[in-house]
N, C-alpha and C. Protein backbone atom coordinates (compact mmCIF):
# COMPACT_ATOMS: atom_id res chain seq x y z
N MET A 1 104.42 114.03 117.03
CA MET A 1 105.46 113.84 117.99
C MET A 1 106.02 112.41 117.89
N PRO A 2 107.32 112.20 117.88
CA PRO A 2 107.85 110.84 117.72
C PRO A 2 107.48 109.85 118.78
N ARG A 3 107.39 108.65 118.44
CA ARG A 3 107.19 107.62 119.45
C ARG A 3 108.47 106.98 119.79
N ASN A 4 108.61 106.68 121.08
CA ASN A 4 109.89 106.08 121.57
C ASN A 4 109.96 104.52 121.48
N LYS A 5 108.89 103.91 121.27
CA LYS A 5 108.86 102.51 121.04
C LYS A 5 107.70 102.10 120.25
N MET A 6 107.65 100.74 119.88
CA MET A 6 106.54 100.29 119.14
C MET A 6 105.26 100.47 119.92
N GLN A 7 104.22 100.95 119.35
CA GLN A 7 102.96 101.19 120.03
C GLN A 7 101.85 100.70 119.17
N LYS A 8 100.72 100.38 119.83
CA LYS A 8 99.54 100.06 119.15
C LYS A 8 99.00 101.34 118.58
N ASN A 9 98.57 101.29 117.33
CA ASN A 9 97.98 102.48 116.67
C ASN A 9 96.52 102.55 117.08
N VAL A 10 96.08 103.65 117.59
CA VAL A 10 94.72 103.79 117.93
C VAL A 10 94.05 104.80 117.03
N VAL A 11 93.22 104.33 116.05
CA VAL A 11 92.51 105.16 115.17
C VAL A 11 91.16 104.64 115.00
N PRO A 12 90.24 105.47 114.45
CA PRO A 12 88.86 104.92 114.20
C PRO A 12 88.85 103.73 113.22
N GLU A 13 87.81 102.87 113.33
CA GLU A 13 87.71 101.71 112.47
C GLU A 13 87.84 102.07 110.99
N ALA A 14 88.61 101.35 110.27
CA ALA A 14 88.79 101.55 108.81
C ALA A 14 88.89 100.18 108.13
N SER A 15 88.75 100.19 106.85
CA SER A 15 88.85 98.90 106.12
C SER A 15 90.32 98.55 105.89
N GLU A 16 90.54 97.20 105.66
CA GLU A 16 91.83 96.76 105.34
C GLU A 16 92.37 97.41 104.10
N PRO A 17 93.69 97.67 103.99
CA PRO A 17 94.22 98.17 102.70
C PRO A 17 94.06 97.19 101.57
N ALA A 18 93.54 97.62 100.45
CA ALA A 18 93.33 96.75 99.30
C ALA A 18 94.59 96.33 98.69
N GLU A 19 95.51 97.16 98.72
CA GLU A 19 96.88 96.76 98.17
C GLU A 19 97.98 97.04 99.28
N LEU A 20 98.88 96.11 99.38
CA LEU A 20 99.95 96.23 100.42
C LEU A 20 101.03 97.06 99.77
N SER A 21 101.70 97.78 100.74
CA SER A 21 102.83 98.61 100.22
C SER A 21 103.91 97.74 99.68
N THR A 22 104.64 98.21 98.67
CA THR A 22 105.78 97.48 98.20
C THR A 22 107.04 97.71 99.06
N ALA A 23 106.95 98.69 99.95
CA ALA A 23 108.09 98.92 100.88
C ALA A 23 107.70 98.23 102.14
N PHE A 24 108.67 97.36 102.62
CA PHE A 24 108.38 96.54 103.83
C PHE A 24 109.71 96.35 104.59
N ALA A 25 109.52 95.91 105.87
CA ALA A 25 110.65 95.65 106.64
C ALA A 25 110.38 94.36 107.57
N LEU A 26 111.27 93.50 107.66
CA LEU A 26 111.19 92.35 108.53
C LEU A 26 111.93 92.68 109.75
N ALA A 27 111.32 92.74 110.96
CA ALA A 27 111.91 93.17 112.17
C ALA A 27 112.32 92.01 113.06
N SER A 28 113.16 92.33 113.98
CA SER A 28 113.67 91.31 114.93
C SER A 28 112.64 90.83 115.92
N ASP A 29 111.47 91.40 115.87
CA ASP A 29 110.35 90.84 116.72
C ASP A 29 109.57 89.83 115.94
N GLY A 30 110.08 89.51 114.71
CA GLY A 30 109.46 88.42 113.89
C GLY A 30 108.28 88.89 113.04
N LYS A 31 108.03 90.20 113.07
CA LYS A 31 106.89 90.70 112.35
C LYS A 31 107.27 91.35 111.09
N LEU A 32 106.37 91.24 110.10
CA LEU A 32 106.69 92.03 108.79
C LEU A 32 105.88 93.26 108.96
N TYR A 33 106.47 94.41 108.64
CA TYR A 33 105.87 95.71 108.64
C TYR A 33 105.79 96.30 107.28
N PHE A 34 104.63 96.89 106.90
CA PHE A 34 104.46 97.54 105.69
C PHE A 34 104.49 99.04 105.86
N ALA A 35 105.07 99.71 105.01
CA ALA A 35 105.24 101.16 105.04
C ALA A 35 103.89 101.73 104.87
N PHE A 36 103.64 102.92 105.56
CA PHE A 36 102.34 103.67 105.34
C PHE A 36 102.73 105.09 105.25
N GLU A 37 101.88 105.78 104.43
CA GLU A 37 102.08 107.15 104.18
C GLU A 37 101.14 108.16 104.96
N SER A 38 99.99 107.59 105.23
CA SER A 38 99.01 108.37 105.97
C SER A 38 98.65 107.66 107.31
N VAL A 39 97.47 107.09 107.36
CA VAL A 39 97.02 106.53 108.63
C VAL A 39 97.09 104.98 108.42
N PRO A 40 97.83 104.30 109.30
CA PRO A 40 97.83 102.77 109.26
C PRO A 40 96.49 102.20 109.62
N PRO A 41 96.26 100.95 109.30
CA PRO A 41 95.04 100.22 109.69
C PRO A 41 94.95 100.25 111.28
N PRO A 42 93.68 100.22 111.76
CA PRO A 42 93.51 100.35 113.25
C PRO A 42 94.09 99.10 113.90
N ASP A 43 94.51 99.25 115.18
CA ASP A 43 94.92 98.19 116.14
C ASP A 43 96.11 97.37 115.63
N ARG A 44 97.04 98.09 114.90
CA ARG A 44 98.28 97.42 114.42
C ARG A 44 99.44 97.99 115.18
N LEU A 45 100.40 97.12 115.46
CA LEU A 45 101.63 97.61 115.98
C LEU A 45 102.34 98.46 114.90
N VAL A 46 102.93 99.55 115.30
CA VAL A 46 103.64 100.46 114.40
C VAL A 46 105.08 100.38 114.79
N PHE A 47 105.95 100.30 113.79
CA PHE A 47 107.33 100.37 113.98
C PHE A 47 107.93 101.57 113.20
N VAL A 48 108.59 102.41 114.03
CA VAL A 48 109.33 103.53 113.40
C VAL A 48 110.88 103.34 113.60
N GLY A 49 111.57 103.35 112.51
CA GLY A 49 113.00 103.09 112.70
C GLY A 49 113.86 104.08 111.84
N TYR A 50 115.07 104.18 112.17
CA TYR A 50 115.98 105.14 111.44
C TYR A 50 117.14 104.19 110.98
N ALA A 51 117.49 104.46 109.71
CA ALA A 51 118.52 103.71 109.04
C ALA A 51 119.90 103.84 109.59
N LEU A 52 120.65 102.73 109.78
CA LEU A 52 122.08 102.87 110.08
C LEU A 52 122.74 103.22 108.73
N ARG A 53 123.86 103.92 108.96
CA ARG A 53 124.65 104.26 107.79
C ARG A 53 125.53 103.05 107.43
N ALA A 54 125.98 102.91 106.26
CA ALA A 54 126.76 101.71 105.84
C ALA A 54 127.98 101.59 106.76
N ASP A 55 128.64 102.71 107.03
CA ASP A 55 129.84 102.59 107.86
C ASP A 55 129.51 102.07 109.33
N GLU A 56 128.33 102.44 109.80
CA GLU A 56 127.99 101.99 111.13
C GLU A 56 127.65 100.46 111.17
N ALA A 57 126.91 100.06 110.14
CA ALA A 57 126.62 98.60 109.98
C ALA A 57 127.88 97.76 109.76
N THR A 58 128.81 98.25 109.04
CA THR A 58 130.08 97.59 108.79
C THR A 58 130.87 97.48 110.11
N LYS A 59 130.94 98.60 110.78
CA LYS A 59 131.69 98.67 112.05
C LYS A 59 131.16 97.73 113.09
N LEU A 60 129.81 97.61 113.20
CA LEU A 60 129.20 96.68 114.17
C LEU A 60 129.38 95.31 113.80
N GLY A 61 129.26 94.99 112.51
CA GLY A 61 129.39 93.58 112.05
C GLY A 61 128.18 92.80 112.46
N ALA A 62 128.18 91.59 112.06
CA ALA A 62 126.96 90.70 112.31
C ALA A 62 126.81 90.45 113.83
N ALA A 63 127.94 90.24 114.57
CA ALA A 63 127.82 90.00 115.98
C ALA A 63 127.31 91.23 116.68
N GLY A 64 127.82 92.39 116.30
CA GLY A 64 127.39 93.66 116.96
C GLY A 64 125.88 93.94 116.73
N LEU A 65 125.49 93.66 115.46
CA LEU A 65 124.03 93.95 115.15
C LEU A 65 123.22 92.92 115.90
N LEU A 66 123.65 91.64 116.02
CA LEU A 66 122.91 90.69 116.80
C LEU A 66 122.82 91.18 118.25
N GLY A 67 123.84 91.61 118.85
CA GLY A 67 123.86 92.11 120.16
C GLY A 67 122.88 93.38 120.35
N TRP A 68 122.92 94.13 119.38
CA TRP A 68 122.08 95.36 119.43
C TRP A 68 120.60 94.98 119.34
N ALA A 69 120.31 93.91 118.52
CA ALA A 69 118.92 93.45 118.34
C ALA A 69 118.38 92.87 119.63
N MET A 70 119.19 92.53 120.56
CA MET A 70 118.79 92.01 121.83
C MET A 70 118.24 93.19 122.70
N LEU A 71 118.72 94.35 122.50
CA LEU A 71 118.33 95.52 123.26
C LEU A 71 117.22 96.40 122.60
N HIS A 72 117.35 96.51 121.21
CA HIS A 72 116.44 97.34 120.47
C HIS A 72 115.94 96.48 119.26
N LYS A 73 114.73 96.86 118.80
CA LYS A 73 114.26 96.22 117.60
C LYS A 73 114.98 96.75 116.41
N LEU A 74 115.40 95.79 115.55
CA LEU A 74 116.07 96.17 114.26
C LEU A 74 115.12 95.56 113.18
N ALA A 75 115.20 96.20 112.00
CA ALA A 75 114.44 95.74 110.95
C ALA A 75 115.25 95.83 109.64
N LEU A 76 115.15 94.80 108.78
CA LEU A 76 115.81 94.88 107.45
C LEU A 76 114.73 95.35 106.46
N GLY A 77 114.99 96.42 105.91
CA GLY A 77 114.04 96.96 104.94
C GLY A 77 114.17 96.49 103.54
N SER A 78 113.15 96.51 102.82
CA SER A 78 113.15 96.04 101.39
C SER A 78 114.13 96.92 100.54
N ASP A 79 114.50 98.09 101.07
CA ASP A 79 115.50 98.93 100.44
C ASP A 79 116.86 98.55 100.70
N GLY A 80 117.10 97.55 101.63
CA GLY A 80 118.46 97.00 101.93
C GLY A 80 119.02 97.77 103.16
N CYS A 81 118.30 98.67 103.72
CA CYS A 81 118.78 99.39 104.93
C CYS A 81 118.33 98.57 106.21
N ILE A 82 119.23 98.72 107.19
CA ILE A 82 118.91 98.23 108.53
C ILE A 82 118.38 99.36 109.33
N TYR A 83 117.20 99.22 109.76
CA TYR A 83 116.57 100.28 110.60
C TYR A 83 116.59 99.94 112.05
N VAL A 84 116.85 100.90 112.92
CA VAL A 84 116.98 100.78 114.31
C VAL A 84 115.81 101.48 114.90
N GLN A 85 115.12 100.86 115.88
CA GLN A 85 113.92 101.41 116.52
C GLN A 85 114.22 102.79 117.00
N GLU A 86 113.16 103.57 116.79
CA GLU A 86 113.17 104.96 117.13
C GLU A 86 113.52 105.22 118.62
N GLY A 87 114.36 106.10 118.97
CA GLY A 87 114.82 106.43 120.29
C GLY A 87 116.14 105.84 120.54
N ALA A 88 116.64 104.85 119.74
CA ALA A 88 117.85 104.15 120.03
C ALA A 88 119.06 104.88 119.39
N ILE A 89 118.91 105.74 118.41
CA ILE A 89 120.01 106.42 117.74
C ILE A 89 119.51 107.79 117.38
N ASP A 90 120.41 108.71 117.09
CA ASP A 90 120.03 110.06 116.72
C ASP A 90 119.49 110.03 115.28
N PRO A 91 118.26 110.46 115.07
CA PRO A 91 117.63 110.34 113.76
C PRO A 91 118.17 111.45 112.74
N THR A 92 118.87 112.33 113.13
CA THR A 92 119.24 113.47 112.24
C THR A 92 119.92 113.00 110.92
N GLY A 93 119.34 113.32 109.88
CA GLY A 93 119.94 112.97 108.54
C GLY A 93 119.76 111.54 108.12
N ARG A 94 118.97 110.79 108.81
CA ARG A 94 118.83 109.39 108.46
C ARG A 94 117.50 109.12 107.72
N ASP A 95 117.47 108.01 106.90
CA ASP A 95 116.21 107.60 106.34
C ASP A 95 115.31 107.04 107.44
N VAL A 96 114.03 107.23 107.24
CA VAL A 96 113.09 106.73 108.22
C VAL A 96 112.13 105.74 107.66
N PHE A 97 111.83 104.66 108.32
CA PHE A 97 110.83 103.74 107.96
C PHE A 97 109.69 103.75 108.97
N ARG A 98 108.48 103.94 108.48
CA ARG A 98 107.28 103.86 109.38
C ARG A 98 106.41 102.80 108.80
N GLY A 99 106.13 101.75 109.58
CA GLY A 99 105.33 100.72 109.07
C GLY A 99 104.40 100.08 110.10
N PHE A 100 103.35 99.46 109.61
CA PHE A 100 102.42 98.76 110.46
C PHE A 100 102.54 97.19 110.28
N ALA A 101 102.32 96.48 111.38
CA ALA A 101 102.45 95.11 111.34
C ALA A 101 101.39 94.42 110.42
N ALA A 102 101.89 93.49 109.70
CA ALA A 102 101.10 92.66 108.82
C ALA A 102 100.26 91.69 109.61
N THR A 103 99.08 91.42 109.11
CA THR A 103 98.30 90.33 109.73
C THR A 103 98.90 89.00 109.15
N PRO A 104 98.63 87.88 109.80
CA PRO A 104 99.12 86.65 109.22
C PRO A 104 98.77 86.43 107.74
N GLU A 105 97.48 86.78 107.43
CA GLU A 105 97.02 86.60 106.00
C GLU A 105 97.90 87.55 105.07
N GLU A 106 98.13 88.83 105.44
CA GLU A 106 98.87 89.72 104.64
C GLU A 106 100.35 89.20 104.54
N ALA A 107 100.91 88.71 105.56
CA ALA A 107 102.32 88.21 105.52
C ALA A 107 102.34 87.04 104.53
N ILE A 108 101.39 86.18 104.56
CA ILE A 108 101.38 85.04 103.55
C ILE A 108 101.22 85.58 102.21
N ARG A 109 100.33 86.52 101.95
CA ARG A 109 100.10 87.10 100.57
C ARG A 109 101.36 87.82 100.17
N ALA A 110 102.06 88.49 101.03
CA ALA A 110 103.26 89.18 100.63
C ALA A 110 104.44 88.13 100.37
N ALA A 111 104.52 87.07 101.13
CA ALA A 111 105.49 86.03 100.86
C ALA A 111 105.25 85.41 99.48
N GLU A 112 104.04 85.15 99.11
CA GLU A 112 103.67 84.59 97.76
C GLU A 112 104.15 85.61 96.69
N GLU A 113 103.80 86.86 96.88
CA GLU A 113 104.24 87.89 95.90
C GLU A 113 105.77 87.99 95.74
N ILE A 114 106.41 87.99 96.89
CA ILE A 114 107.87 88.09 96.86
C ILE A 114 108.46 86.88 96.15
N HIS A 115 107.98 85.64 96.37
CA HIS A 115 108.40 84.46 95.74
C HIS A 115 108.19 84.57 94.23
N ARG A 116 107.03 85.06 93.78
CA ARG A 116 106.74 85.17 92.37
C ARG A 116 107.66 86.16 91.73
N VAL A 117 107.82 87.38 92.29
CA VAL A 117 108.69 88.35 91.75
C VAL A 117 110.17 87.94 91.71
N ALA A 118 110.59 87.30 92.86
CA ALA A 118 112.01 86.85 92.95
C ALA A 118 112.35 85.82 91.82
N SER A 119 111.37 84.99 91.56
CA SER A 119 111.60 83.99 90.47
C SER A 119 111.81 84.71 89.06
N ASN A 120 110.92 85.66 88.95
CA ASN A 120 111.03 86.44 87.60
C ASN A 120 112.30 87.23 87.49
N VAL A 121 112.72 87.79 88.56
CA VAL A 121 114.00 88.48 88.62
C VAL A 121 115.18 87.55 88.37
N THR A 122 115.07 86.43 88.94
CA THR A 122 116.18 85.43 88.74
C THR A 122 116.30 84.99 87.36
N VAL A 123 115.20 84.77 86.70
CA VAL A 123 115.22 84.31 85.30
C VAL A 123 115.80 85.37 84.40
N GLU A 124 115.40 86.68 84.67
CA GLU A 124 115.95 87.84 83.84
C GLU A 124 117.38 88.02 84.13
N VAL A 125 117.83 87.91 85.33
CA VAL A 125 119.32 88.03 85.64
C VAL A 125 120.12 86.98 84.88
N PHE A 126 119.64 85.69 84.94
CA PHE A 126 120.44 84.68 84.22
C PHE A 126 120.39 84.84 82.77
N ALA A 127 119.28 85.28 82.26
CA ALA A 127 119.08 85.57 80.86
C ALA A 127 120.08 86.64 80.34
N SER A 128 120.13 87.71 81.18
CA SER A 128 121.10 88.80 80.95
C SER A 128 122.58 88.39 80.95
N LYS A 129 122.88 87.50 81.88
CA LYS A 129 124.24 86.99 82.06
C LYS A 129 124.62 86.19 80.79
N ARG A 130 123.64 85.32 80.35
CA ARG A 130 123.94 84.47 79.21
C ARG A 130 124.08 85.32 77.94
N ALA A 131 123.25 86.34 77.80
CA ALA A 131 123.34 87.23 76.62
C ALA A 131 124.66 88.00 76.63
N ALA A 132 125.18 88.44 77.84
CA ALA A 132 126.38 89.25 77.91
C ALA A 132 127.57 88.26 77.63
N ALA A 133 127.44 86.99 77.97
CA ALA A 133 128.57 86.04 77.78
C ALA A 133 128.71 85.65 76.29
N ALA A 134 127.61 85.70 75.57
CA ALA A 134 127.52 85.28 74.13
C ALA A 134 128.27 86.20 73.20
């Protein structure tokens, strides 16, 4: 059954995930959420959101999205979609993101990995641009 707001997940004690999901979202509540496919770790906030369509995000613009974020949680997904908290929009036909809140340690580890990967991507992009220009 869908949840109408972020809720604490109540499940039996389990170990921390050894690997973090590569799909994540940064939400307007300041938390980083990692996608989960089965059961999230115990005692974590869970965010369920539905993606805005590109035309909706364009129509709202930055000011409209900021205003909406004051009423509902929004999250920017690693897939480039803006996800709106479940219950705020009709979910029919929309991508869904289900994620659990990262611990401070997990958020630091994720930031380090993102930094490492982003640097490698930047090097490759510039190398490709130089090769194409030659």
